């Protein structure tokens, strides 16, 4: 790739996927920090190594099945509402489904300790560039390294997954042709698979998207926040180049089709895909949500295997 096209791909992944997120209802009394009451999660510190020997720590929630493991695992990247009091609860909803199927789930909190406890869904300030997907890729790789060190995780069977802005972070995490703030794959190991739910896909110009892991995209046909057509173009060009990328578009579904919230338009949402840059529609679709669970389960089974591999001594 030439310098100009490399820069274009990096910029697209840096800013193009930040706009969307799931619907963010008010926090409920007695709920966990991401708005999902009763989620059995443990809070740990995730250390992000610094380039000059320094480092940063962010919170990370661990949801695990009962038993000793080792379990296959999923690093789940949250949407633009974050994991604080204004969270959509989307990551917790998926964590419950994944844990019930035998996966340990790690959910890094990319926002709370960086000045965005309420998320960035309506924040138009330049400060939000500190948590764009390409930079959050570093969080995903730090979570991967942390999981690989745990005795209850199968180190060779770890996937990355995210919804909306977290889906954009997922693309940035596995992109071999983008500049991200991530360590080289050889330094942190590699994700075995990736699932992006309604991500903001970068423009189709330049080199085709080249993933470091098999990628599945699930998105709604009527998504006006992160339009499906951009992802369809990304997949078409990537597949033509021989890369393991696939997509499923849910007819009649909107952004955040996996939400339990009703469909509604909110004018305050930052949306680079509409004139004026504001306003987006989100809302659940029961059929799409049910099918997406089956899609995720099948994709993870295909690439992580039906049973964990015993951890080597």
Protein backbone atom coordinates (compact mmCIF):
# COMPACT_ATOMS: atom_id res chain seq x y z
CA UNK A 1 0.00 0.00 0.00
CA UNK A 2 1.28 3.51 -0.80
CA UNK A 3 1.63 6.11 1.92
CA UNK A 4 -1.44 8.06 0.79
CA UNK A 5 -3.78 5.04 0.75
CA UNK A 6 -2.37 3.79 4.06
CA UNK A 7 -3.08 7.16 5.64
CA UNK A 8 -6.61 7.15 4.21
CA UNK A 9 -7.33 3.71 5.65
CA UNK A 10 -5.96 4.75 9.02
CA UNK A 11 -8.01 7.95 9.13
CA UNK A 12 -11.17 6.11 8.11
CA UNK A 13 -10.78 3.61 10.91
CA UNK A 14 -9.78 6.36 13.33
CA UNK A 15 -12.83 8.57 12.91
CA UNK A 16 -15.36 6.95 10.61
CA UNK A 17 -16.68 4.37 13.04
CA UNK A 18 -17.17 6.48 16.17
CA UNK A 19 -20.58 7.91 15.42
CA UNK A 20 -22.95 5.12 16.32
CA UNK A 21 -24.00 3.38 19.49
CA UNK A 22 -26.99 1.65 20.96
CA UNK A 23 -29.81 3.46 22.73
CA UNK A 24 -28.83 4.70 26.19
CA UNK A 25 -31.66 4.62 28.76
CA UNK A 26 -31.36 6.17 32.22
CA UNK A 27 -29.47 4.02 34.74
CA UNK A 28 -31.64 1.91 37.01
CA UNK A 29 -31.22 1.81 40.78
CA UNK A 30 -29.31 -1.27 41.94
CA UNK A 31 -27.94 -2.04 38.50
CA UNK A 32 -24.39 -2.87 37.50
CA UNK A 33 -22.24 -0.04 36.05
CA UNK A 34 -23.44 -0.77 32.51
CA UNK A 35 -27.13 -0.73 33.36
CA UNK A 36 -27.70 -4.49 33.45
CA UNK A 37 -29.06 -5.58 36.81
CA UNK A 38 -27.90 -8.90 38.16
CA UNK A 39 -24.99 -9.43 35.76
CA UNK A 40 -22.40 -11.53 37.63
CA UNK A 41 -19.27 -9.57 36.80
CA UNK A 42 -15.92 -9.00 38.51
CA UNK A 43 -14.12 -5.67 38.11
CA UNK A 44 -10.37 -5.82 37.45
CA UNK A 45 -7.66 -3.34 36.47
CA UNK A 46 -6.47 -3.69 32.89
CA UNK A 47 -2.93 -2.45 32.38
CA UNK A 48 -2.05 -0.88 29.04
CA UNK A 49 1.73 -0.88 28.59
CA UNK A 50 3.23 2.44 27.60
CA UNK A 51 5.64 2.81 24.72
CA UNK A 52 8.34 4.31 26.99
CA UNK A 53 7.93 1.98 29.96
CA UNK A 54 4.97 3.89 31.39
CA UNK A 55 1.40 2.76 31.18
CA UNK A 56 -2.25 3.36 31.87
CA UNK A 57 -4.92 1.40 33.72
CA UNK A 58 -8.57 1.16 32.80
CA UNK A 59 -11.41 -0.86 34.37
CA UNK A 60 -12.44 -4.15 32.81
CA UNK A 61 -15.44 -6.31 33.69
CA UNK A 62 -15.05 -10.10 33.63
CA UNK A 63 -18.15 -12.28 33.19
CA UNK A 64 -17.44 -16.00 33.47
CA UNK A 65 -19.31 -19.30 33.42
CA UNK A 66 -19.30 -21.51 36.51
CA UNK A 67 -16.45 -24.00 36.82
CA UNK A 68 -12.67 -23.91 36.59
CA UNK A 69 -12.23 -23.70 32.80
CA UNK A 70 -10.23 -23.16 30.77
CA UNK A 71 -12.94 -21.41 28.77
CA UNK A 72 -12.94 -19.93 25.27
CA UNK A 73 -13.25 -16.17 25.66
CA UNK A 74 -14.60 -13.04 23.99
CA UNK A 75 -13.30 -9.49 24.40
CA UNK A 76 -16.41 -7.34 23.99
CA UNK A 77 -15.93 -3.67 22.99
CA UNK A 78 -18.79 -1.44 24.17
CA UNK A 79 -20.70 1.14 22.14
CA UNK A 80 -20.52 4.95 22.35
CA UNK A 81 -22.67 5.02 25.50
CA UNK A 82 -19.85 3.33 27.44
CA UNK A 83 -20.20 1.22 30.58
CA UNK A 84 -21.15 4.01 32.95
CA UNK A 85 -24.52 5.29 34.23
CA UNK A 86 -25.77 6.14 30.71
CA UNK A 87 -24.83 2.81 29.16
CA UNK A 88 -27.20 1.15 26.71
CA UNK A 89 -26.56 -2.16 28.49
CA UNK A 90 -25.82 -3.80 25.15
CA UNK A 91 -22.51 -5.32 26.17
CA UNK A 92 -24.06 -6.85 29.30
CA UNK A 93 -26.91 -8.32 27.26
CA UNK A 94 -24.43 -10.04 24.98
CA UNK A 95 -22.28 -11.09 27.93
CA UNK A 96 -25.23 -12.95 29.43
CA UNK A 97 -25.83 -14.82 26.16
CA UNK A 98 -22.16 -15.68 25.73
CA UNK A 99 -21.60 -16.78 29.33
CA UNK A 100 -24.66 -19.03 29.09
CA UNK A 101 -22.95 -20.74 26.14
CA UNK A 102 -19.69 -21.31 28.00
CA UNK A 103 -17.63 -18.26 27.06
CA UNK A 104 -15.75 -16.03 29.46
CA UNK A 105 -16.35 -12.39 28.50
CA UNK A 106 -14.02 -9.45 29.14
CA UNK A 107 -15.47 -5.94 28.72
CA UNK A 108 -12.84 -3.17 28.81
CA UNK A 109 -14.22 0.24 29.85
CA UNK A 110 -12.60 2.59 27.35
CA UNK A 111 -14.39 5.73 28.57
CA UNK A 112 -14.88 6.08 32.33
CA UNK A 113 -11.30 6.87 33.35
CA UNK A 114 -10.65 8.98 30.26
CA UNK A 115 -13.19 11.68 31.01
CA UNK A 116 -16.28 10.21 29.32
CA UNK A 117 -18.26 8.34 32.02
CA UNK A 118 -21.51 9.24 30.26
CA UNK A 119 -20.31 8.15 26.83
CA UNK A 120 -19.76 10.15 23.65
CA UNK A 121 -22.96 9.56 21.67
CA UNK A 122 -23.90 13.26 21.69
CA UNK A 123 -20.45 14.74 22.41
CA UNK A 124 -19.22 16.79 19.45
CA UNK A 125 -16.04 18.01 21.13
CA UNK A 126 -12.62 17.21 19.72
CA UNK A 127 -11.83 15.56 23.04
CA UNK A 128 -13.79 12.50 21.88
CA UNK A 129 -10.99 11.77 19.42
CA UNK A 130 -9.13 10.33 22.43
CA UNK A 131 -11.45 7.31 22.34
CA UNK A 132 -11.95 6.70 18.62
CA UNK A 133 -11.91 3.04 17.48
CA UNK A 134 -8.31 3.03 16.25
CA UNK A 135 -7.14 4.08 19.69
CA UNK A 136 -9.48 1.68 21.47
CA UNK A 137 -7.80 -1.16 19.54
CA UNK A 138 -5.03 -0.84 22.11
CA UNK A 139 -7.57 -1.65 24.84
CA UNK A 140 -8.67 -4.77 22.96
CA UNK A 141 -5.10 -6.03 22.57
CA UNK A 142 -4.37 -5.35 26.24
CA UNK A 143 -7.47 -7.36 27.16
CA UNK A 144 -6.28 -10.17 24.88
CA UNK A 145 -2.88 -10.26 26.59
CA UNK A 146 -4.56 -10.25 30.02
CA UNK A 147 -6.87 -13.11 29.11
CA UNK A 148 -4.04 -15.17 27.68
CA UNK A 149 -2.36 -15.02 31.10
CA UNK A 150 -5.41 -16.31 33.01
CA UNK A 151 -5.56 -19.99 34.01
CA UNK A 152 -9.34 -20.07 33.38
CA UNK A 153 -9.01 -19.00 29.72
CA UNK A 154 -7.99 -21.12 26.74
CA UNK A 155 -5.26 -18.85 25.30
CA UNK A 156 -5.71 -20.01 21.71
CA UNK A 157 -9.47 -19.46 21.57
CA UNK A 158 -10.17 -15.80 22.12
CA UNK A 159 -12.37 -13.66 19.86
CA UNK A 160 -13.05 -9.93 19.74
CA UNK A 161 -16.57 -8.59 19.32
CA UNK A 162 -18.25 -5.20 19.60
CA UNK A 163 -21.42 -3.27 18.88
CA UNK A 164 -21.64 0.03 17.03
CA UNK A 165 -18.61 2.15 18.03
CA UNK A 166 -17.34 -1.06 19.62
CA UNK A 167 -17.87 -2.74 16.27
CA UNK A 168 -15.70 -0.02 14.75
CA UNK A 169 -13.10 -0.72 17.42
CA UNK A 170 -13.30 -4.40 16.47
CA UNK A 171 -12.53 -3.57 12.83
CA UNK A 172 -9.61 -1.40 13.90
CA UNK A 173 -8.32 -4.13 16.20
CA UNK A 174 -8.02 -6.75 13.45
CA UNK A 175 -7.16 -4.47 10.52
CA UNK A 176 -3.77 -5.39 9.09
CA UNK A 177 -3.72 -2.30 6.87
CA UNK A 178 -4.45 0.45 9.38
CA UNK A 179 -2.36 2.42 11.81
CA UNK A 180 -3.70 1.83 15.28
CA UNK A 181 -2.35 2.28 18.77
CA UNK A 182 -2.02 -1.48 19.15
CA UNK A 183 1.04 -3.62 19.71
CA UNK A 184 2.09 -5.86 16.82
CA UNK A 185 0.09 -9.08 16.65
CA UNK A 186 3.25 -11.04 17.50
CA UNK A 187 3.58 -9.13 20.78
CA UNK A 188 0.10 -9.85 22.11
CA UNK A 189 -0.89 -13.00 20.29
CA UNK A 190 -3.76 -12.93 17.83
CA UNK A 191 -7.51 -13.02 18.02
CA UNK A 192 -8.98 -16.18 16.52
CA UNK A 193 -12.14 -14.49 15.21
CA UNK A 194 -13.96 -11.16 15.14
CA UNK A 195 -17.63 -10.15 15.09
CA UNK A 196 -18.72 -6.58 14.41
CA UNK A 197 -22.33 -5.63 15.12
CA UNK A 198 -23.52 -2.64 13.06
CA UNK A 199 -20.05 -1.03 12.87
CA UNK A 200 -19.16 2.17 11.07
CA UNK A 201 -17.33 0.73 8.07
CA UNK A 202 -14.63 2.87 6.44
CA UNK A 203 -15.01 4.16 2.86
CA UNK A 204 -14.35 1.68 0.09
CA UNK A 205 -11.49 3.60 -1.56
CA UNK A 206 -7.89 2.45 -1.35
CA UNK A 207 -6.71 -1.04 -0.49
CA UNK A 208 -9.34 -3.66 0.43
CA UNK A 209 -9.86 -4.27 4.13
CA UNK A 210 -7.38 -6.94 5.22
CA UNK A 211 -8.24 -8.61 8.55
CA UNK A 212 -5.89 -10.51 10.84
CA UNK A 213 -8.78 -12.83 11.80
CA UNK A 214 -11.98 -14.12 10.17
CA UNK A 215 -14.63 -11.40 10.42
CA UNK A 216 -18.44 -11.57 10.49
CA UNK A 217 -20.52 -8.36 10.27
CA UNK A 218 -24.19 -8.23 11.32
CA UNK A 219 -26.09 -5.04 10.50
CA UNK A 220 -29.58 -3.69 9.84
CA UNK A 221 -30.86 -2.74 6.40
CA UNK A 222 -32.40 0.52 7.68
CA UNK A 223 -29.41 1.61 9.77
CA UNK A 224 -29.09 5.38 9.31
CA UNK A 225 -26.23 5.77 11.83
CA UNK A 226 -23.73 3.29 10.39
CA UNK A 227 -25.20 2.46 6.97
CA UNK A 228 -25.14 -1.14 5.79
CA UNK A 229 -24.08 -0.17 2.27
CA UNK A 230 -20.61 0.86 3.46
CA UNK A 231 -20.12 -2.50 5.15
CA UNK A 232 -21.45 -4.37 2.12
CA UNK A 233 -18.88 -2.56 -0.04
CA UNK A 234 -16.10 -3.34 2.45
CA UNK A 235 -17.03 -7.03 2.48
CA UNK A 236 -17.36 -7.26 -1.30
CA UNK A 237 -13.87 -5.82 -1.89
CA UNK A 238 -12.28 -7.83 0.92
CA UNK A 239 -13.77 -11.10 -0.33
CA UNK A 240 -12.68 -10.33 -3.89
CA UNK A 241 -9.15 -10.04 -2.52
CA UNK A 242 -9.48 -13.44 -0.83
CA UNK A 243 -9.95 -12.29 2.77
CA UNK A 244 -12.23 -14.15 5.25
CA UNK A 245 -14.91 -11.48 5.68
CA UNK A 246 -18.68 -12.01 5.56
CA UNK A 247 -21.84 -10.04 6.30
CA UNK A 248 -25.50 -10.54 7.06
CA UNK A 249 -27.96 -7.69 6.59
CA UNK A 250 -31.24 -7.86 8.51
CA UNK A 251 -34.09 -6.62 6.36
CA UNK A 252 -36.20 -3.93 7.99
CA UNK A 253 -33.89 -3.63 11.02
CA UNK A 254 -32.38 -0.43 12.39
CA UNK A 255 -29.19 0.40 14.27
CA UNK A 256 -29.02 -1.48 17.60
CA UNK A 257 -31.35 -4.22 16.36
CA UNK A 258 -30.17 -6.26 19.36
CA UNK A 259 -31.60 -3.73 21.82
CA UNK A 260 -34.72 -4.26 23.90
CA UNK A 261 -35.64 -0.58 23.41
CA UNK A 262 -38.31 0.54 20.92
CA UNK A 263 -37.36 2.21 17.64
CA UNK A 264 -36.90 5.97 18.01
CA UNK A 265 -35.06 8.87 16.38
CA UNK A 266 -32.90 11.11 18.59
CA UNK A 267 -31.79 14.37 17.01
CA UNK A 268 -28.89 15.00 19.42
CA UNK A 269 -26.86 11.97 18.35
CA UNK A 270 -23.63 12.67 16.47
CA UNK A 271 -24.01 11.18 13.01
CA UNK A 272 -21.46 11.92 10.26
CA UNK A 273 -23.62 10.04 7.76
CA UNK A 274 -26.47 12.57 7.57
CA UNK A 275 -26.64 16.22 6.50
CA UNK A 276 -25.95 18.44 9.48
CA UNK A 277 -24.12 15.70 11.34
CA UNK A 278 -26.84 15.05 13.94
CA UNK A 279 -29.69 12.60 14.38
CA UNK A 280 -29.96 8.81 14.26
CA UNK A 281 -32.51 6.04 14.69
CA UNK A 282 -32.05 3.05 17.00
CA UNK A 283 -34.28 0.27 18.21
CA UNK A 284 -34.62 -3.43 18.67
CA UNK A 285 -35.88 -6.00 16.22
CA UNK A 286 -36.87 -9.24 17.95
CA UNK A 287 -36.34 -11.46 14.90
CA UNK A 288 -32.95 -9.97 14.11
CA UNK A 289 -31.86 -10.23 17.76
CA UNK A 290 -32.85 -13.90 17.93
CA UNK A 291 -31.11 -14.70 14.66
CA UNK A 292 -27.98 -12.75 15.61
CA UNK A 293 -27.56 -14.94 18.69
CA UNK A 294 -27.58 -18.01 16.43
CA UNK A 295 -25.17 -16.33 14.00
CA UNK A 296 -22.73 -15.40 16.76
CA UNK A 297 -22.93 -18.85 18.33
CA UNK A 298 -22.26 -20.58 15.00
CA UNK A 299 -19.39 -18.26 14.03
CA UNK A 300 -17.65 -18.66 17.39
CA UNK A 301 -18.13 -22.41 17.30
CA UNK A 302 -16.60 -22.52 13.82
CA UNK A 303 -13.51 -20.52 14.73
CA UNK A 304 -13.03 -21.19 18.44
CA UNK A 305 -14.21 -24.79 18.42
CA UNK A 306 -17.02 -26.51 20.26
CA UNK A 307 -14.84 -27.43 23.22
CA UNK A 308 -11.94 -25.57 24.85
CA UNK A 309 -8.47 -27.01 24.34
CA UNK A 310 -6.74 -28.02 27.60
CA UNK A 311 -4.29 -25.33 28.64
CA UNK A 312 -0.65 -26.49 28.25
CA UNK A 313 1.40 -26.88 31.44
